[in-house]
Amino acid sequence: MKRVIASVTVATAALLVAAAPAQAAPAPADPVKALKSRLVAGQGVKFTELSTLTSSPS
Protein backbone atom coordinates (compact mmCIF):
# COMPACT_ATOMS: atom_id res chain seq x y z
CA MET A 1 0.00 0.00 0.00
CA LYS A 2 2.88 2.35 0.78
CA ARG A 3 4.35 1.72 -2.67
CA VAL A 4 1.05 2.62 -4.35
CA ILE A 5 0.77 5.88 -2.43
CA ALA A 6 4.40 6.72 -3.13
CA SER A 7 4.07 5.97 -6.86
CA VAL A 8 0.87 8.03 -7.15
CA THR A 9 2.58 10.92 -5.37
CA VAL A 10 5.60 10.75 -7.67
CA ALA A 11 3.41 10.53 -10.79
CA THR A 12 1.32 13.51 -9.67
CA ALA A 13 4.43 15.57 -8.93
CA ALA A 14 5.86 14.71 -12.35
CA LEU A 15 2.66 15.83 -14.07
CA LEU A 16 2.57 19.09 -12.15
CA VAL A 17 6.19 19.87 -13.03
CA ALA A 18 5.60 19.03 -16.71
CA ALA A 19 2.46 21.18 -16.84
CA ALA A 20 4.16 24.34 -15.56
CA PRO A 21 3.85 27.13 -18.15
CA ALA A 22 6.96 28.41 -19.88
CA GLN A 23 8.13 31.85 -18.91
CA ALA A 24 7.78 34.50 -21.59
CA ALA A 25 10.69 36.72 -22.53
CA PRO A 26 10.55 40.12 -20.85
CA ALA A 27 9.01 42.86 -22.96
CA PRO A 28 11.36 45.58 -24.24
CA ALA A 29 11.29 48.78 -22.23
CA ASP A 30 10.68 50.96 -25.30
CA PRO A 31 8.86 49.28 -28.22
CA VAL A 32 9.60 52.16 -30.61
CA LYS A 33 13.33 51.92 -29.92
CA ALA A 34 13.22 48.14 -30.41
CA LEU A 35 11.46 48.57 -33.77
CA LYS A 36 13.85 51.25 -34.97
CA SER A 37 16.81 49.04 -34.11
CA ARG A 38 15.48 46.44 -36.57
CA LEU A 39 15.12 48.96 -39.44
CA VAL A 40 18.17 49.54 -41.63
CA ALA A 41 18.51 52.35 -44.19
CA GLY A 42 18.70 51.16 -47.79
CA GLN A 43 17.02 47.83 -47.15
CA GLY A 44 13.70 46.89 -48.71
CA VAL A 45 10.64 45.38 -47.18
CA LYS A 46 9.94 41.69 -47.64
CA PHE A 47 6.32 41.02 -48.46
CA THR A 48 4.75 37.59 -48.83
CA GLU A 49 1.20 37.05 -49.97
CA LEU A 50 -0.75 33.82 -50.03
CA SER A 51 -4.15 33.50 -51.61
CA THR A 52 -6.38 30.56 -52.32
CA LEU A 53 -9.27 30.43 -54.74
CA THR A 54 -12.08 28.05 -54.14
CA SER A 55 -15.10 27.71 -56.34
CA SER A 56 -18.14 25.57 -56.11
CA PRO A 57 -19.61 23.89 -59.17
CA SER A 58 -22.75 25.61 -60.36
PDB file of N, CA and C in Angstrom:
ATOM      1  N   MET A   1       0.817  -1.188   0.000  1.00  0.00           N
ATOM      2  CA  MET A   1       0.000   0.000   0.000  1.00  0.00           C
ATOM      3  C   MET A   1       0.865   1.258   0.000  1.00  0.00           C
ATOM      4  N   LYS A   2       1.982   1.203   0.738  1.00  0.00           N
ATOM      5  CA  LYS A   2       2.877   2.353   0.785  1.00  0.00           C
ATOM      6  C   LYS A   2       3.488   2.616  -0.592  1.00  0.00           C
ATOM      7  N   ARG A   3       3.779   1.551  -1.326  1.00  0.00           N
ATOM      8  CA  ARG A   3       4.352   1.722  -2.672  1.00  0.00           C
ATOM      9  C   ARG A   3       3.355   2.385  -3.603  1.00  0.00           C
ATOM     10  N   VAL A   4       2.092   2.034  -3.496  1.00  0.00           N
ATOM     11  CA  VAL A   4       1.054   2.623  -4.353  1.00  0.00           C
ATOM     12  C   VAL A   4       0.933   4.107  -4.067  1.00  0.00           C
ATOM     13  N   ILE A   5       0.870   4.468  -2.801  1.00  0.00           N
ATOM     14  CA  ILE A   5       0.765   5.884  -2.434  1.00  0.00           C
ATOM     15  C   ILE A   5       2.000   6.646  -2.898  1.00  0.00           C
ATOM     16  N   ALA A   6       3.173   6.057  -2.713  1.00  0.00           N
ATOM     17  CA  ALA A   6       4.402   6.719  -3.134  1.00  0.00           C
ATOM     18  C   ALA A   6       4.448   6.883  -4.642  1.00  0.00           C
ATOM     19  N   SER A   7       4.028   5.862  -5.393  1.00  0.00           N
ATOM     20  CA  SER A   7       4.069   5.967  -6.858  1.00  0.00           C
ATOM     21  C   SER A   7       3.046   6.967  -7.369  1.00  0.00           C
ATOM     22  N   VAL A   8       1.873   7.029  -6.756  1.00  0.00           N
ATOM     23  CA  VAL A   8       0.867   8.028  -7.150  1.00  0.00           C
ATOM     24  C   VAL A   8       1.378   9.430  -6.843  1.00  0.00           C
ATOM     25  N   THR A   9       2.029   9.615  -5.731  1.00  0.00           N
ATOM     26  CA  THR A   9       2.582  10.919  -5.365  1.00  0.00           C
ATOM     27  C   THR A   9       3.663  11.346  -6.354  1.00  0.00           C
ATOM     28  N   VAL A  10       4.537  10.431  -6.712  1.00  0.00           N
ATOM     29  CA  VAL A  10       5.604  10.747  -7.666  1.00  0.00           C
ATOM     30  C   VAL A  10       5.020  11.060  -9.044  1.00  0.00           C
ATOM     31  N   ALA A  11       4.030  10.291  -9.477  1.00  0.00           N
ATOM     32  CA  ALA A  11       3.408  10.529 -10.785  1.00  0.00           C
ATOM     33  C   ALA A  11       2.699  11.876 -10.815  1.00  0.00           C
ATOM     34  N   THR A  12       2.004  12.226  -9.741  1.00  0.00           N
ATOM     35  CA  THR A  12       1.321  13.513  -9.668  1.00  0.00           C
ATOM     36  C   THR A  12       2.326  14.661  -9.679  1.00  0.00           C
ATOM     37  N   ALA A  13       3.402  14.523  -8.954  1.00  0.00           N
ATOM     38  CA  ALA A  13       4.428  15.571  -8.933  1.00  0.00           C
ATOM     39  C   ALA A  13       5.057  15.731 -10.308  1.00  0.00           C
ATOM     40  N   ALA A  14       5.276  14.626 -11.008  1.00  0.00           N
ATOM     41  CA  ALA A  14       5.857  14.705 -12.347  1.00  0.00           C
ATOM     42  C   ALA A  14       4.914  15.415 -13.315  1.00  0.00           C
ATOM     43  N   LEU A  15       3.625  15.152 -13.205  1.00  0.00           N
ATOM     44  CA  LEU A  15       2.658  15.828 -14.069  1.00  0.00           C
ATOM     45  C   LEU A  15       2.578  17.319 -13.776  1.00  0.00           C
ATOM     46  N   LEU A  16       2.632  17.673 -12.506  1.00  0.00           N
ATOM     47  CA  LEU A  16       2.574  19.090 -12.148  1.00  0.00           C
ATOM     48  C   LEU A  16       3.800  19.847 -12.627  1.00  0.00           C
ATOM     49  N   VAL A  17       4.960  19.226 -12.558  1.00  0.00           N
ATOM     50  CA  VAL A  17       6.185  19.872 -13.029  1.00  0.00           C
ATOM     51  C   VAL A  17       6.149  20.013 -14.539  1.00  0.00           C
ATOM     52  N   ALA A  18       5.662  18.991 -15.246  1.00  0.00           N
ATOM     53  CA  ALA A  18       5.605  19.035 -16.706  1.00  0.00           C
ATOM     54  C   ALA A  18       4.567  20.028 -17.191  1.00  0.00           C
ATOM     55  N   ALA A  19       3.527  20.285 -16.413  1.00  0.00           N
ATOM     56  CA  ALA A  19       2.455  21.177 -16.841  1.00  0.00           C
ATOM     57  C   ALA A  19       2.724  22.639 -16.516  1.00  0.00           C
ATOM     58  N   ALA A  20       3.852  22.957 -15.911  1.00  0.00           N
ATOM     59  CA  ALA A  20       4.164  24.340 -15.562  1.00  0.00           C
ATOM     60  C   ALA A  20       4.346  25.151 -16.845  1.00  0.00           C
ATOM     61  N   PRO A  21       3.732  26.319 -16.936  1.00  0.00           N
ATOM     62  CA  PRO A  21       3.848  27.128 -18.147  1.00  0.00           C
ATOM     63  C   PRO A  21       5.258  27.686 -18.326  1.00  0.00           C
ATOM     64  N   ALA A  22       5.650  27.836 -19.570  1.00  0.00           N
ATOM     65  CA  ALA A  22       6.961  28.405 -19.875  1.00  0.00           C
ATOM     66  C   ALA A  22       6.941  29.907 -19.603  1.00  0.00           C
ATOM     67  N   GLN A  23       8.046  30.427 -19.180  1.00  0.00           N
ATOM     68  CA  GLN A  23       8.135  31.848 -18.906  1.00  0.00           C
ATOM     69  C   GLN A  23       8.366  32.612 -20.199  1.00  0.00           C
ATOM     70  N   ALA A  24       7.626  33.671 -20.403  1.00  0.00           N
ATOM     71  CA  ALA A  24       7.784  34.495 -21.590  1.00  0.00           C
ATOM     72  C   ALA A  24       8.992  35.408 -21.426  1.00  0.00           C
ATOM     73  N   ALA A  25       9.560  35.796 -22.564  1.00  0.00           N
ATOM     74  CA  ALA A  25      10.687  36.722 -22.531  1.00  0.00           C
ATOM     75  C   ALA A  25      10.186  38.089 -22.063  1.00  0.00           C
ATOM     76  N   PRO A  26      10.992  38.812 -21.331  1.00  0.00           N
ATOM     77  CA  PRO A  26      10.550  40.123 -20.853  1.00  0.00           C
ATOM     78  C   PRO A  26      10.347  41.081 -22.018  1.00  0.00           C
ATOM     79  N   ALA A  27       9.329  41.896 -21.919  1.00  0.00           N
ATOM     80  CA  ALA A  27       9.010  42.862 -22.964  1.00  0.00           C
ATOM     81  C   ALA A  27      10.067  43.960 -22.984  1.00  0.00           C
ATOM     82  N   PRO A  28      10.382  44.484 -24.182  1.00  0.00           N
ATOM     83  CA  PRO A  28      11.356  45.578 -24.235  1.00  0.00           C
ATOM     84  C   PRO A  28      10.812  46.816 -23.530  1.00  0.00           C
ATOM     85  N   ALA A  29      11.710  47.592 -22.965  1.00  0.00           N
ATOM     86  CA  ALA A  29      11.294  48.775 -22.228  1.00  0.00           C
ATOM     87  C   ALA A  29      10.660  49.816 -23.148  1.00  0.00           C
ATOM     88  N   ASP A  30      11.199  49.972 -24.356  1.00  0.00           N
ATOM     89  CA  ASP A  30      10.679  50.962 -25.296  1.00  0.00           C
ATOM     90  C   ASP A  30      10.417  50.270 -26.638  1.00  0.00           C
ATOM     91  N   PRO A  31       9.153  49.990 -26.978  1.00  0.00           N
ATOM     92  CA  PRO A  31       8.861  49.275 -28.216  1.00  0.00           C
ATOM     93  C   PRO A  31       9.280  50.042 -29.472  1.00  0.00           C
ATOM     94  N   VAL A  32       9.209  51.369 -29.444  1.00  0.00           N
ATOM     95  CA  VAL A  32       9.605  52.159 -30.612  1.00  0.00           C
ATOM     96  C   VAL A  32      11.102  52.026 -30.851  1.00  0.00           C
ATOM     97  N   LYS A  33      11.879  52.073 -29.800  1.00  0.00           N
ATOM     98  CA  LYS A  33      13.328  51.924 -29.922  1.00  0.00           C
ATOM     99  C   LYS A  33      13.687  50.524 -30.430  1.00  0.00           C
ATOM    100  N   ALA A  34      12.970  49.506 -29.953  1.00  0.00           N
ATOM    101  CA  ALA A  34      13.217  48.140 -30.410  1.00  0.00           C
ATOM    102  C   ALA A  34      12.899  48.000 -31.890  1.00  0.00           C
ATOM    103  N   LEU A  35      11.824  48.622 -32.354  1.00  0.00           N
ATOM    104  CA  LEU A  35      11.459  48.566 -33.769  1.00  0.00           C
ATOM    105  C   LEU A  35      12.468  49.317 -34.629  1.00  0.00           C
ATOM    106  N   LYS A  36      12.878  50.473 -34.201  1.00  0.00           N
ATOM    107  CA  LYS A  36      13.850  51.248 -34.975  1.00  0.00           C
ATOM    108  C   LYS A  36      15.207  50.552 -35.050  1.00  0.00           C
ATOM    109  N   SER A  37      15.543  49.762 -34.057  1.00  0.00           N
ATOM    110  CA  SER A  37      16.811  49.040 -34.106  1.00  0.00           C
ATOM    111  C   SER A  37      16.781  47.944 -35.161  1.00  0.00           C
ATOM    112  N   ARG A  38      15.605  47.481 -35.547  1.00  0.00           N
ATOM    113  CA  ARG A  38      15.475  46.442 -36.566  1.00  0.00           C
ATOM    114  C   ARG A  38      15.476  47.026 -37.980  1.00  0.00           C
ATOM    115  N   LEU A  39      15.173  48.313 -38.127  1.00  0.00           N
ATOM    116  CA  LEU A  39      15.119  48.960 -39.443  1.00  0.00           C
ATOM    117  C   LEU A  39      16.509  49.422 -39.851  1.00  0.00           C
ATOM    118  N   VAL A  40      16.872  49.150 -41.122  1.00  0.00           N
ATOM    119  CA  VAL A  40      18.173  49.537 -41.634  1.00  0.00           C
ATOM    120  C   VAL A  40      17.953  50.360 -42.897  1.00  0.00           C
ATOM    121  N   ALA A  41      18.641  51.496 -43.018  1.00  0.00           N
ATOM    122  CA  ALA A  41      18.507  52.349 -44.186  1.00  0.00           C
ATOM    123  C   ALA A  41      19.010  51.626 -45.434  1.00  0.00           C
ATOM    124  N   GLY A  42      18.284  51.752 -46.533  1.00  0.00           N
ATOM    125  CA  GLY A  42      18.697  51.157 -47.794  1.00  0.00           C
ATOM    126  C   GLY A  42      18.212  49.729 -47.992  1.00  0.00           C
ATOM    127  N   GLN A  43      17.536  49.186 -47.038  1.00  0.00           N
ATOM    128  CA  GLN A  43      17.018  47.826 -47.152  1.00  0.00           C
ATOM    129  C   GLN A  43      15.534  47.882 -47.493  1.00  0.00           C
ATOM    130  N   GLY A  44      15.104  46.940 -48.309  1.00  0.00           N
ATOM    131  CA  GLY A  44      13.700  46.891 -48.711  1.00  0.00           C
ATOM    132  C   GLY A  44      12.855  46.146 -47.694  1.00  0.00           C
ATOM    133  N   VAL A  45      11.593  46.082 -48.023  1.00  0.00           N
ATOM    134  CA  VAL A  45      10.638  45.381 -47.177  1.00  0.00           C
ATOM    135  C   VAL A  45      10.293  44.067 -47.843  1.00  0.00           C
ATOM    136  N   LYS A  46      10.316  42.991 -47.103  1.00  0.00           N
ATOM    137  CA  LYS A  46       9.935  41.689 -47.639  1.00  0.00           C
ATOM    138  C   LYS A  46       8.435  41.516 -47.439  1.00  0.00           C
ATOM    139  N   PHE A  47       7.760  41.170 -48.518  1.00  0.00           N
ATOM    140  CA  PHE A  47       6.316  41.020 -48.464  1.00  0.00           C
ATOM    141  C   PHE A  47       5.952  39.679 -49.062  1.00  0.00           C
ATOM    142  N   THR A  48       5.195  38.900 -48.356  1.00  0.00           N
ATOM    143  CA  THR A  48       4.755  37.593 -48.832  1.00  0.00           C
ATOM    144  C   THR A  48       3.243  37.569 -48.795  1.00  0.00           C
ATOM    145  N   GLU A  49       2.653  37.123 -49.896  1.00  0.00           N
ATOM    146  CA  GLU A  49       1.201  37.053 -49.971  1.00  0.00           C
ATOM    147  C   GLU A  49       0.800  35.635 -50.357  1.00  0.00           C
ATOM    148  N   LEU A  50      -0.223  35.143 -49.735  1.00  0.00           N
ATOM    149  CA  LEU A  50      -0.747  33.819 -50.031  1.00  0.00           C
ATOM    150  C   LEU A  50      -2.238  33.947 -50.241  1.00  0.00           C
ATOM    151  N   SER A  51      -2.712  33.454 -51.359  1.00  0.00           N
ATOM    152  CA  SER A  51      -4.149  33.497 -51.608  1.00  0.00           C
ATOM    153  C   SER A  51      -4.599  32.154 -52.155  1.00  0.00           C
ATOM    154  N   THR A  52      -5.805  31.796 -51.805  1.00  0.00           N
ATOM    155  CA  THR A  52      -6.384  30.562 -52.315  1.00  0.00           C
ATOM    156  C   THR A  52      -7.719  30.902 -52.949  1.00  0.00           C
ATOM    157  N   LEU A  53      -8.018  30.207 -54.026  1.00  0.00           N
ATOM    158  CA  LEU A  53      -9.265  30.429 -54.745  1.00  0.00           C
ATOM    159  C   LEU A  53     -10.050  29.140 -54.712  1.00  0.00           C
ATOM    160  N   THR A  54     -11.213  29.216 -54.160  1.00  0.00           N
ATOM    161  CA  THR A  54     -12.081  28.048 -54.143  1.00  0.00           C
ATOM    162  C   THR A  54     -13.368  28.394 -54.859  1.00  0.00           C
ATOM    163  N   SER A  55     -13.843  27.474 -55.632  1.00  0.00           N
ATOM    164  CA  SER A  55     -15.100  27.714 -56.337  1.00  0.00           C
ATOM    165  C   SER A  55     -15.957  26.461 -56.231  1.00  0.00           C
ATOM    166  N   SER A  56     -17.235  26.697 -56.176  1.00  0.00           N
ATOM    167  CA  SER A  56     -18.143  25.568 -56.111  1.00  0.00           C
ATOM    168  C   SER A  56     -18.767  25.361 -57.486  1.00  0.00           C
ATOM    169  N   PRO A  57     -18.987  24.132 -57.868  1.00  0.00           N
ATOM    170  CA  PRO A  57     -19.607  23.886 -59.171  1.00  0.00           C
ATOM    171  C   PRO A  57     -21.032  24.406 -59.187  1.00  0.00           C
ATOM    172  N   SER A  58     -21.388  25.073 -60.285  1.00  0.00           N
ATOM    173  CA  SER A  58     -22.753  25.606 -60.361  1.00  0.00           C
ATOM    174  C   SER A  58     -23.513  25.032 -61.513  1.00  0.00           C
TER     175      SER A  58
END
